[in-house]
Amino acid sequence: MTVFDKNIAATGSFIMALTIAIGAFGAHGLKAMLDTAALSTFEVGVRYQMYHGLAILILGLAPSIPENLKKKVFLFFIIGILFFSGSIYLLSMNSILPFDATVIGFVTPIGGLLFIIGWFLMAYGILKLKKR
């Protein structure tokens, strides 16, 4: 396992741990502050962050995926998490924030698009792998 692979896998593990903490914060810390719809929206951000944290972990552990493909997919997933989940967290908490988070709402679909591109890149790269 290369240092790069270890770093990707460790990043995926860190994201998974962070996701559990964010999810617990949403379920327990925000329960009394947000309405049901806002909590449900917050959970969508947690869910997508969890999926992609797990995907990053697997990406780091997959020996047959070329490093250049891993770099691209990793970046799309990381930026996708920041844009998609990050904006959803802020938007769902808009009623309790001291600023208007709706101004960043346009980044949510960009984050979703980055996830989609990352998954298509991964599929394309896997299909291009040579049989051994």
N, C-alpha and C. Protein backbone atom coordinates (compact mmCIF):
# COMPACT_ATOMS: atom_id res chain seq x y z
N MET A 1 0.85 -1.18 0.00
CA MET A 1 0.00 0.00 0.00
C MET A 1 0.90 1.24 0.00
N THR A 2 0.64 2.14 -0.93
CA THR A 2 1.45 3.35 -1.02
C THR A 2 1.04 4.35 0.06
N VAL A 3 1.88 5.34 0.25
CA VAL A 3 1.57 6.40 1.20
C VAL A 3 0.29 7.11 0.77
N PHE A 4 0.16 7.32 -0.54
CA PHE A 4 -1.04 7.98 -1.08
C PHE A 4 -2.29 7.18 -0.74
N ASP A 5 -2.23 5.86 -0.95
CA ASP A 5 -3.37 4.99 -0.63
C ASP A 5 -3.71 5.05 0.87
N LYS A 6 -2.67 5.03 1.69
CA LYS A 6 -2.89 5.13 3.14
C LYS A 6 -3.56 6.44 3.50
N ASN A 7 -3.12 7.51 2.87
CA ASN A 7 -3.70 8.83 3.15
C ASN A 7 -5.17 8.90 2.73
N ILE A 8 -5.48 8.31 1.58
CA ILE A 8 -6.88 8.30 1.13
C ILE A 8 -7.72 7.48 2.10
N ALA A 9 -7.25 6.28 2.46
CA ALA A 9 -8.00 5.42 3.38
C ALA A 9 -8.16 6.09 4.74
N ALA A 10 -7.11 6.73 5.23
CA ALA A 10 -7.19 7.42 6.52
C ALA A 10 -8.16 8.60 6.44
N THR A 11 -8.15 9.32 5.32
CA THR A 11 -9.09 10.42 5.13
C THR A 11 -10.52 9.90 5.13
N GLY A 12 -10.74 8.79 4.45
CA GLY A 12 -12.07 8.18 4.45
C GLY A 12 -12.51 7.79 5.85
N SER A 13 -11.60 7.22 6.63
CA SER A 13 -11.91 6.84 8.01
C SER A 13 -12.21 8.07 8.86
N PHE A 14 -11.43 9.12 8.69
CA PHE A 14 -11.66 10.36 9.42
C PHE A 14 -13.03 10.95 9.07
N ILE A 15 -13.36 10.94 7.78
CA ILE A 15 -14.67 11.46 7.35
C ILE A 15 -15.80 10.64 7.96
N MET A 16 -15.63 9.33 8.03
CA MET A 16 -16.65 8.47 8.63
C MET A 16 -16.85 8.82 10.11
N ALA A 17 -15.75 9.01 10.84
CA ALA A 17 -15.85 9.37 12.26
C ALA A 17 -16.51 10.74 12.42
N LEU A 18 -16.10 11.68 11.60
CA LEU A 18 -16.68 13.02 11.63
C LEU A 18 -18.17 12.98 11.31
N THR A 19 -18.54 12.13 10.38
CA THR A 19 -19.94 12.00 9.98
C THR A 19 -20.79 11.49 11.14
N ILE A 20 -20.26 10.54 11.88
CA ILE A 20 -21.00 10.02 13.04
C ILE A 20 -21.19 11.13 14.07
N ALA A 21 -20.14 11.92 14.29
CA ALA A 21 -20.25 13.03 15.24
C ALA A 21 -21.26 14.07 14.77
N ILE A 22 -21.24 14.40 13.48
CA ILE A 22 -22.19 15.37 12.93
C ILE A 22 -23.61 14.82 13.02
N GLY A 23 -23.77 13.54 12.72
CA GLY A 23 -25.09 12.92 12.81
C GLY A 23 -25.63 12.93 14.23
N ALA A 24 -24.76 12.65 15.20
CA ALA A 24 -25.17 12.68 16.61
C ALA A 24 -25.54 14.10 17.02
N PHE A 25 -24.76 15.07 16.56
CA PHE A 25 -25.07 16.47 16.83
C PHE A 25 -26.45 16.83 16.28
N GLY A 26 -26.73 16.39 15.07
CA GLY A 26 -28.03 16.66 14.46
C GLY A 26 -29.17 15.99 15.21
N ALA A 27 -28.96 14.73 15.56
CA ALA A 27 -30.02 13.97 16.23
C ALA A 27 -30.27 14.43 17.66
N HIS A 28 -29.23 14.85 18.35
CA HIS A 28 -29.39 15.20 19.76
C HIS A 28 -29.30 16.70 20.02
N GLY A 29 -28.30 17.35 19.43
CA GLY A 29 -28.09 18.77 19.70
C GLY A 29 -29.06 19.69 18.99
N LEU A 30 -29.51 19.30 17.82
CA LEU A 30 -30.39 20.17 17.04
C LEU A 30 -31.86 19.81 17.18
N LYS A 31 -32.15 18.69 17.80
CA LYS A 31 -33.53 18.20 17.88
C LYS A 31 -34.50 19.23 18.45
N ALA A 32 -34.08 19.94 19.48
CA ALA A 32 -34.96 20.93 20.11
C ALA A 32 -34.98 22.27 19.38
N MET A 33 -34.00 22.48 18.49
CA MET A 33 -33.88 23.79 17.83
C MET A 33 -34.48 23.86 16.44
N LEU A 34 -34.57 22.71 15.76
CA LEU A 34 -35.04 22.70 14.38
C LEU A 34 -36.34 21.93 14.25
N ASP A 35 -37.11 22.29 13.24
CA ASP A 35 -38.34 21.54 12.99
C ASP A 35 -38.01 20.22 12.29
N THR A 36 -39.01 19.39 12.15
CA THR A 36 -38.83 18.05 11.58
C THR A 36 -38.28 18.10 10.16
N ALA A 37 -38.78 19.04 9.35
CA ALA A 37 -38.32 19.15 7.96
C ALA A 37 -36.84 19.53 7.90
N ALA A 38 -36.41 20.46 8.75
CA ALA A 38 -35.00 20.87 8.77
C ALA A 38 -34.11 19.73 9.25
N LEU A 39 -34.56 18.98 10.24
CA LEU A 39 -33.79 17.82 10.71
C LEU A 39 -33.68 16.76 9.63
N SER A 40 -34.75 16.56 8.90
CA SER A 40 -34.73 15.60 7.80
C SER A 40 -33.74 16.02 6.72
N THR A 41 -33.71 17.30 6.42
CA THR A 41 -32.76 17.83 5.45
C THR A 41 -31.33 17.64 5.95
N PHE A 42 -31.10 17.94 7.22
CA PHE A 42 -29.78 17.75 7.83
C PHE A 42 -29.34 16.29 7.67
N GLU A 43 -30.25 15.37 7.89
CA GLU A 43 -29.94 13.94 7.77
C GLU A 43 -29.54 13.54 6.35
N VAL A 44 -30.09 14.22 5.35
CA VAL A 44 -29.69 13.96 3.96
C VAL A 44 -28.21 14.28 3.79
N GLY A 45 -27.78 15.41 4.34
CA GLY A 45 -26.36 15.77 4.27
C GLY A 45 -25.49 14.74 4.95
N VAL A 46 -25.92 14.27 6.12
CA VAL A 46 -25.18 13.24 6.86
C VAL A 46 -25.09 11.95 6.03
N ARG A 47 -26.20 11.55 5.46
CA ARG A 47 -26.25 10.31 4.69
C ARG A 47 -25.29 10.35 3.50
N TYR A 48 -25.32 11.44 2.74
CA TYR A 48 -24.44 11.54 1.58
C TYR A 48 -22.97 11.64 1.99
N GLN A 49 -22.71 12.31 3.10
CA GLN A 49 -21.34 12.36 3.59
C GLN A 49 -20.87 10.96 3.99
N MET A 50 -21.74 10.19 4.63
CA MET A 50 -21.39 8.83 5.05
C MET A 50 -21.10 7.95 3.83
N TYR A 51 -21.99 8.02 2.83
CA TYR A 51 -21.77 7.22 1.62
C TYR A 51 -20.41 7.51 1.00
N HIS A 52 -20.10 8.79 0.90
CA HIS A 52 -18.88 9.16 0.20
C HIS A 52 -17.64 9.00 1.07
N GLY A 53 -17.78 9.10 2.38
CA GLY A 53 -16.66 8.75 3.26
C GLY A 53 -16.30 7.29 3.12
N LEU A 54 -17.32 6.44 3.07
CA LEU A 54 -17.10 5.00 2.88
C LEU A 54 -16.48 4.73 1.51
N ALA A 55 -16.96 5.43 0.49
CA ALA A 55 -16.40 5.26 -0.85
C ALA A 55 -14.93 5.67 -0.88
N ILE A 56 -14.58 6.74 -0.19
CA ILE A 56 -13.18 7.19 -0.14
C ILE A 56 -12.32 6.15 0.58
N LEU A 57 -12.83 5.59 1.67
CA LEU A 57 -12.10 4.53 2.38
C LEU A 57 -11.84 3.35 1.45
N ILE A 58 -12.85 2.90 0.75
CA ILE A 58 -12.71 1.78 -0.18
C ILE A 58 -11.75 2.13 -1.31
N LEU A 59 -11.84 3.35 -1.80
CA LEU A 59 -10.95 3.81 -2.86
C LEU A 59 -9.49 3.69 -2.43
N GLY A 60 -9.20 4.08 -1.18
CA GLY A 60 -7.84 3.98 -0.68
C GLY A 60 -7.36 2.55 -0.50
N LEU A 61 -8.28 1.63 -0.28
CA LEU A 61 -7.92 0.23 -0.05
C LEU A 61 -7.91 -0.61 -1.32
N ALA A 62 -8.38 -0.05 -2.44
CA ALA A 62 -8.48 -0.80 -3.69
C ALA A 62 -7.14 -0.77 -4.44
N PRO A 63 -6.42 -1.88 -4.44
CA PRO A 63 -5.08 -1.88 -5.05
C PRO A 63 -5.08 -1.81 -6.57
N SER A 64 -6.15 -2.24 -7.23
CA SER A 64 -6.12 -2.30 -8.69
C SER A 64 -6.52 -1.00 -9.38
N ILE A 65 -6.99 -0.01 -8.62
CA ILE A 65 -7.37 1.27 -9.23
C ILE A 65 -6.13 2.14 -9.34
N PRO A 66 -5.82 2.62 -10.54
CA PRO A 66 -4.62 3.43 -10.75
C PRO A 66 -4.63 4.72 -9.92
N GLU A 67 -3.44 5.15 -9.52
CA GLU A 67 -3.30 6.32 -8.64
C GLU A 67 -3.89 7.59 -9.26
N ASN A 68 -3.69 7.79 -10.56
CA ASN A 68 -4.22 9.02 -11.18
C ASN A 68 -5.74 9.05 -11.14
N LEU A 69 -6.38 7.90 -11.28
CA LEU A 69 -7.83 7.83 -11.18
C LEU A 69 -8.26 8.07 -9.73
N LYS A 70 -7.53 7.47 -8.79
CA LYS A 70 -7.85 7.68 -7.38
C LYS A 70 -7.80 9.15 -7.01
N LYS A 71 -6.79 9.86 -7.50
CA LYS A 71 -6.65 11.29 -7.20
C LYS A 71 -7.87 12.07 -7.68
N LYS A 72 -8.27 11.79 -8.91
CA LYS A 72 -9.42 12.52 -9.47
C LYS A 72 -10.71 12.23 -8.71
N VAL A 73 -10.98 10.95 -8.50
CA VAL A 73 -12.21 10.56 -7.80
C VAL A 73 -12.19 11.11 -6.37
N PHE A 74 -11.05 11.01 -5.71
CA PHE A 74 -10.90 11.52 -4.35
C PHE A 74 -11.25 13.02 -4.30
N LEU A 75 -10.71 13.79 -5.22
CA LEU A 75 -10.98 15.23 -5.24
C LEU A 75 -12.46 15.53 -5.51
N PHE A 76 -13.05 14.84 -6.45
CA PHE A 76 -14.47 15.05 -6.73
C PHE A 76 -15.32 14.73 -5.51
N PHE A 77 -14.99 13.64 -4.81
CA PHE A 77 -15.77 13.26 -3.63
C PHE A 77 -15.56 14.23 -2.47
N ILE A 78 -14.33 14.65 -2.23
CA ILE A 78 -14.05 15.58 -1.13
C ILE A 78 -14.75 16.91 -1.36
N ILE A 79 -14.59 17.46 -2.55
CA ILE A 79 -15.23 18.75 -2.84
C ILE A 79 -16.75 18.58 -2.88
N GLY A 80 -17.21 17.43 -3.36
CA GLY A 80 -18.64 17.15 -3.34
C GLY A 80 -19.20 17.13 -1.93
N ILE A 81 -18.46 16.51 -1.00
CA ILE A 81 -18.89 16.50 0.40
C ILE A 81 -18.97 17.92 0.95
N LEU A 82 -17.94 18.69 0.69
CA LEU A 82 -17.92 20.07 1.19
C LEU A 82 -19.08 20.88 0.63
N PHE A 83 -19.28 20.79 -0.67
CA PHE A 83 -20.34 21.58 -1.32
C PHE A 83 -21.73 21.05 -0.99
N PHE A 84 -21.94 19.76 -1.20
CA PHE A 84 -23.27 19.18 -1.03
C PHE A 84 -23.66 19.10 0.45
N SER A 85 -22.94 18.29 1.20
CA SER A 85 -23.30 18.10 2.61
C SER A 85 -23.10 19.39 3.41
N GLY A 86 -21.99 20.07 3.17
CA GLY A 86 -21.74 21.31 3.90
C GLY A 86 -22.82 22.34 3.71
N SER A 87 -23.27 22.53 2.48
CA SER A 87 -24.32 23.51 2.23
C SER A 87 -25.65 23.05 2.81
N ILE A 88 -25.92 21.75 2.75
CA ILE A 88 -27.16 21.24 3.33
C ILE A 88 -27.18 21.45 4.84
N TYR A 89 -26.04 21.24 5.49
CA TYR A 89 -25.99 21.48 6.94
C TYR A 89 -26.35 22.93 7.24
N LEU A 90 -25.72 23.84 6.52
CA LEU A 90 -25.99 25.27 6.76
C LEU A 90 -27.42 25.65 6.41
N LEU A 91 -27.90 25.16 5.28
CA LEU A 91 -29.27 25.50 4.86
C LEU A 91 -30.31 24.96 5.85
N SER A 92 -30.09 23.76 6.36
CA SER A 92 -31.06 23.19 7.30
C SER A 92 -31.06 23.94 8.63
N MET A 93 -29.94 24.56 8.98
CA MET A 93 -29.85 25.31 10.23
C MET A 93 -30.07 26.82 10.04
N ASN A 94 -30.54 27.21 8.88
CA ASN A 94 -30.69 28.63 8.56
C ASN A 94 -31.49 29.39 9.61
N SER A 95 -32.51 28.77 10.18
CA SER A 95 -33.37 29.46 11.14
C SER A 95 -32.65 29.80 12.45
N ILE A 96 -31.53 29.15 12.74
CA ILE A 96 -30.82 29.42 13.98
C ILE A 96 -29.45 30.07 13.76
N LEU A 97 -29.08 30.27 12.51
CA LEU A 97 -27.78 30.89 12.21
C LEU A 97 -27.89 32.41 12.26
N PRO A 98 -26.78 33.08 12.59
CA PRO A 98 -26.80 34.54 12.64
C PRO A 98 -26.65 35.21 11.26
N PHE A 99 -26.66 34.41 10.22
CA PHE A 99 -26.55 34.93 8.85
C PHE A 99 -27.51 34.15 7.96
N ASP A 100 -27.73 34.66 6.77
CA ASP A 100 -28.65 34.02 5.83
C ASP A 100 -27.88 33.00 4.98
N ALA A 101 -28.05 31.73 5.31
CA ALA A 101 -27.33 30.67 4.61
C ALA A 101 -27.88 30.39 3.22
N THR A 102 -29.04 30.93 2.90
CA THR A 102 -29.62 30.64 1.58
C THR A 102 -28.77 31.18 0.44
N VAL A 103 -27.87 32.12 0.73
CA VAL A 103 -27.01 32.66 -0.33
C VAL A 103 -26.04 31.62 -0.88
N ILE A 104 -25.79 30.54 -0.11
CA ILE A 104 -24.88 29.50 -0.60
C ILE A 104 -25.64 28.30 -1.15
N GLY A 105 -26.94 28.41 -1.25
CA GLY A 105 -27.76 27.30 -1.74
C GLY A 105 -27.40 26.81 -3.13
N PHE A 106 -26.80 27.68 -3.94
CA PHE A 106 -26.45 27.30 -5.31
C PHE A 106 -25.34 26.26 -5.36
N VAL A 107 -24.56 26.09 -4.28
CA VAL A 107 -23.47 25.11 -4.32
C VAL A 107 -23.95 23.68 -4.08
N THR A 108 -25.14 23.51 -3.53
CA THR A 108 -25.65 22.16 -3.26
C THR A 108 -25.72 21.32 -4.54
N PRO A 109 -26.37 21.79 -5.60
CA PRO A 109 -26.40 20.97 -6.82
C PRO A 109 -25.03 20.81 -7.47
N ILE A 110 -24.14 21.77 -7.27
CA ILE A 110 -22.78 21.62 -7.80
C ILE A 110 -22.10 20.45 -7.08
N GLY A 111 -22.29 20.37 -5.76
CA GLY A 111 -21.74 19.24 -5.01
C GLY A 111 -22.31 17.91 -5.49
N GLY A 112 -23.61 17.88 -5.75
CA GLY A 112 -24.23 16.67 -6.28
C GLY A 112 -23.65 16.28 -7.63
N LEU A 113 -23.42 17.28 -8.48
CA LEU A 113 -22.82 17.03 -9.79
C LEU A 113 -21.40 16.49 -9.64
N LEU A 114 -20.65 17.01 -8.68
CA LEU A 114 -19.30 16.50 -8.44
C LEU A 114 -19.33 15.04 -7.99
N PHE A 115 -20.30 14.68 -7.15
CA PHE A 115 -20.46 13.27 -6.77
C PHE A 115 -20.71 12.41 -8.02
N ILE A 116 -21.62 12.85 -8.85
CA ILE A 116 -21.96 12.08 -10.06
C ILE A 116 -20.75 11.92 -10.96
N ILE A 117 -20.01 13.00 -11.18
CA ILE A 117 -18.81 12.94 -12.02
C ILE A 117 -17.79 11.97 -11.41
N GLY A 118 -17.62 12.05 -10.09
CA GLY A 118 -16.69 11.14 -9.42
C GLY A 118 -17.06 9.68 -9.63
N TRP A 119 -18.36 9.38 -9.51
CA TRP A 119 -18.81 7.99 -9.70
C TRP A 119 -18.64 7.55 -11.15
N PHE A 120 -18.95 8.44 -12.11
CA PHE A 120 -18.74 8.08 -13.52
C PHE A 120 -17.26 7.87 -13.83
N LEU A 121 -16.38 8.72 -13.27
CA LEU A 121 -14.95 8.53 -13.46
C LEU A 121 -14.49 7.19 -12.91
N MET A 122 -14.99 6.86 -11.73
CA MET A 122 -14.62 5.58 -11.13
C MET A 122 -15.09 4.42 -12.01
N ALA A 123 -16.33 4.47 -12.46
CA ALA A 123 -16.86 3.40 -13.32
C ALA A 123 -16.04 3.28 -14.61
N TYR A 124 -15.75 4.41 -15.22
CA TYR A 124 -14.96 4.41 -16.46
C TYR A 124 -13.57 3.82 -16.21
N GLY A 125 -12.94 4.24 -15.12
CA GLY A 125 -11.61 3.72 -14.80
C GLY A 125 -11.62 2.24 -14.52
N ILE A 126 -12.65 1.77 -13.85
CA ILE A 126 -12.75 0.33 -13.55
C ILE A 126 -12.97 -0.46 -14.83
N LEU A 127 -13.80 0.07 -15.72
CA LEU A 127 -14.04 -0.62 -17.00
C LEU A 127 -12.78 -0.68 -17.87
N LYS A 128 -11.89 0.29 -17.70
CA LYS A 128 -10.65 0.31 -18.49
C LYS A 128 -9.56 -0.60 -17.92
N LEU A 129 -9.76 -1.14 -16.71
CA LEU A 129 -8.74 -2.01 -16.12
C LEU A 129 -8.51 -3.22 -17.01
N LYS A 130 -7.26 -3.61 -17.12
CA LYS A 130 -6.89 -4.79 -17.91
C LYS A 130 -7.15 -6.04 -17.09
N LYS A 131 -7.58 -7.10 -17.79
CA LYS A 131 -7.76 -8.39 -17.13
C LYS A 131 -6.40 -8.94 -16.76
N ARG A 132 -6.36 -9.63 -15.63
CA ARG A 132 -5.06 -10.22 -15.20
C ARG A 132 -5.09 -11.70 -15.32
